[in-house]
Amino acid sequence: MVMRLGVEDICSISELVRSRRLSMGYSRSELSELSGVSESTIKRIESNGLVTLGSYLRILDSLKLKTEIIWKD
């Protein structure tokens, strides 16, 4: 599955992270340990999506989600 998301799609990313975490059977605590991102950051990404890019990348990688950053011209 490929999702192309922009800045305006933060809510979609938050929902994707939560849905994927649950489908993989991870608690927030388990994902925190796996990704090296604090549990409070995972809670924040799932609620409002406001975290650093580095945290996003670590979490998405731990959830086996491919990430691409594409520069706009």
C-alpha atoms as a PDB file:
ATOM      1  CA  MET A   1       0.000   0.000   0.000  1.00  0.00           C
ATOM      2  CA  VAL A   2       1.309   3.439  -0.898  1.00  0.00           C
ATOM      3  CA  MET A   3       0.011   6.579   0.775  1.00  0.00           C
ATOM      4  CA  ARG A   4       1.158   9.977  -0.388  1.00  0.00           C
ATOM      5  CA  LEU A   5       0.615  12.416   2.437  1.00  0.00           C
ATOM      6  CA  GLY A   6       1.307  16.098   2.815  1.00  0.00           C
ATOM      7  CA  VAL A   7       1.585  18.390   5.809  1.00  0.00           C
ATOM      8  CA  GLU A   8      -2.194  18.744   5.859  1.00  0.00           C
ATOM      9  CA  ASP A   9      -2.503  14.980   6.399  1.00  0.00           C
ATOM     10  CA  ILE A  10      -1.047  14.786   9.939  1.00  0.00           C
ATOM     11  CA  CYS A  11      -4.297  13.251  11.259  1.00  0.00           C
ATOM     12  CA  SER A  12      -4.053  10.484   8.650  1.00  0.00           C
ATOM     13  CA  ILE A  13      -0.499   9.700   9.738  1.00  0.00           C
ATOM     14  CA  SER A  14      -1.579   9.583  13.382  1.00  0.00           C
ATOM     15  CA  GLU A  15      -4.385   7.175  12.538  1.00  0.00           C
ATOM     16  CA  LEU A  16      -2.049   5.073  10.388  1.00  0.00           C
ATOM     17  CA  VAL A  17       0.513   4.733  13.192  1.00  0.00           C
ATOM     18  CA  ARG A  18      -2.096   3.711  15.768  1.00  0.00           C
ATOM     19  CA  SER A  19      -3.831   1.292  13.400  1.00  0.00           C
ATOM     20  CA  ARG A  20      -0.568  -0.325  12.317  1.00  0.00           C
ATOM     21  CA  ARG A  21       0.695  -0.621  15.913  1.00  0.00           C
ATOM     22  CA  LEU A  22      -2.506  -2.372  16.977  1.00  0.00           C
ATOM     23  CA  SER A  23      -2.575  -4.660  13.926  1.00  0.00           C
ATOM     24  CA  MET A  24       0.973  -5.767  14.734  1.00  0.00           C
ATOM     25  CA  GLY A  25      -0.082  -6.465  18.322  1.00  0.00           C
ATOM     26  CA  TYR A  26       2.224  -3.898  19.946  1.00  0.00           C
ATOM     27  CA  SER A  27       1.400  -1.910  23.038  1.00  0.00           C
ATOM     28  CA  ARG A  28       2.765   1.629  23.160  1.00  0.00           C
ATOM     29  CA  SER A  29       5.339   0.386  25.645  1.00  0.00           C
ATOM     30  CA  GLU A  30       6.507  -2.368  23.288  1.00  0.00           C
ATOM     31  CA  LEU A  31       6.730   0.019  20.331  1.00  0.00           C
ATOM     32  CA  SER A  32       8.663   2.440  22.511  1.00  0.00           C
ATOM     33  CA  GLU A  33      11.227  -0.226  23.337  1.00  0.00           C
ATOM     34  CA  LEU A  34      11.459  -1.379  19.725  1.00  0.00           C
ATOM     35  CA  SER A  35      11.792   2.102  18.215  1.00  0.00           C
ATOM     36  CA  GLY A  36      13.808   3.858  20.912  1.00  0.00           C
ATOM     37  CA  VAL A  37      11.142   6.586  21.077  1.00  0.00           C
ATOM     38  CA  SER A  38       9.520   7.403  24.421  1.00  0.00           C
ATOM     39  CA  GLU A  39       6.048   6.120  25.148  1.00  0.00           C
ATOM     40  CA  SER A  40       4.827   9.701  25.639  1.00  0.00           C
ATOM     41  CA  THR A  41       6.047  10.568  22.130  1.00  0.00           C
ATOM     42  CA  ILE A  42       4.166   7.602  20.686  1.00  0.00           C
ATOM     43  CA  LYS A  43       1.035   8.732  22.513  1.00  0.00           C
ATOM     44  CA  ARG A  44       1.546  12.229  21.116  1.00  0.00           C
ATOM     45  CA  ILE A  45       2.025  11.002  17.530  1.00  0.00           C
ATOM     46  CA  GLU A  46      -1.186   8.992  17.822  1.00  0.00           C
ATOM     47  CA  SER A  47      -3.181  11.891  19.230  1.00  0.00           C
ATOM     48  CA  ASN A  48      -2.032  15.014  17.394  1.00  0.00           C
ATOM     49  CA  GLY A  49       0.933  14.003  15.250  1.00  0.00           C
ATOM     50  CA  LEU A  50       3.209  16.733  16.572  1.00  0.00           C
ATOM     51  CA  VAL A  51       6.623  15.097  16.979  1.00  0.00           C
ATOM     52  CA  THR A  52      10.028  15.501  15.380  1.00  0.00           C
ATOM     53  CA  LEU A  53      10.776  14.029  11.975  1.00  0.00           C
ATOM     54  CA  GLY A  54      13.356  11.748  13.591  1.00  0.00           C
ATOM     55  CA  SER A  55      10.713  10.290  15.904  1.00  0.00           C
ATOM     56  CA  TYR A  56       8.366   9.740  12.964  1.00  0.00           C
ATOM     57  CA  LEU A  57      11.058   7.946  11.010  1.00  0.00           C
ATOM     58  CA  ARG A  58      12.043   5.661  13.895  1.00  0.00           C
ATOM     59  CA  ILE A  59       8.415   4.766  14.626  1.00  0.00           C
ATOM     60  CA  LEU A  60       7.493   4.173  10.982  1.00  0.00           C
ATOM     61  CA  ASP A  61      10.595   2.019  10.490  1.00  0.00           C
ATOM     62  CA  SER A  62       9.708  -0.059  13.560  1.00  0.00           C
ATOM     63  CA  LEU A  63       6.218  -0.563  12.146  1.00  0.00           C
ATOM     64  CA  LYS A  64       7.725  -1.743   8.832  1.00  0.00           C
ATOM     65  CA  LEU A  65       6.353   1.251   6.955  1.00  0.00           C
ATOM     66  CA  LYS A  66       8.435   2.669   4.107  1.00  0.00           C
ATOM     67  CA  THR A  67       9.098   6.381   4.227  1.00  0.00           C
ATOM     68  CA  GLU A  68      10.023   8.623   1.337  1.00  0.00           C
ATOM     69  CA  ILE A  69      10.689  12.322   1.471  1.00  0.00           C
ATOM     70  CA  ILE A  70      10.130  14.012  -1.857  1.00  0.00           C
ATOM     71  CA  TRP A  71      11.161  17.582  -2.474  1.00  0.00           C
ATOM     72  CA  LYS A  72       8.674  19.805  -4.231  1.00  0.00           C
ATOM     73  CA  ASP A  73       9.955  21.925  -7.070  1.00  0.00           C
END
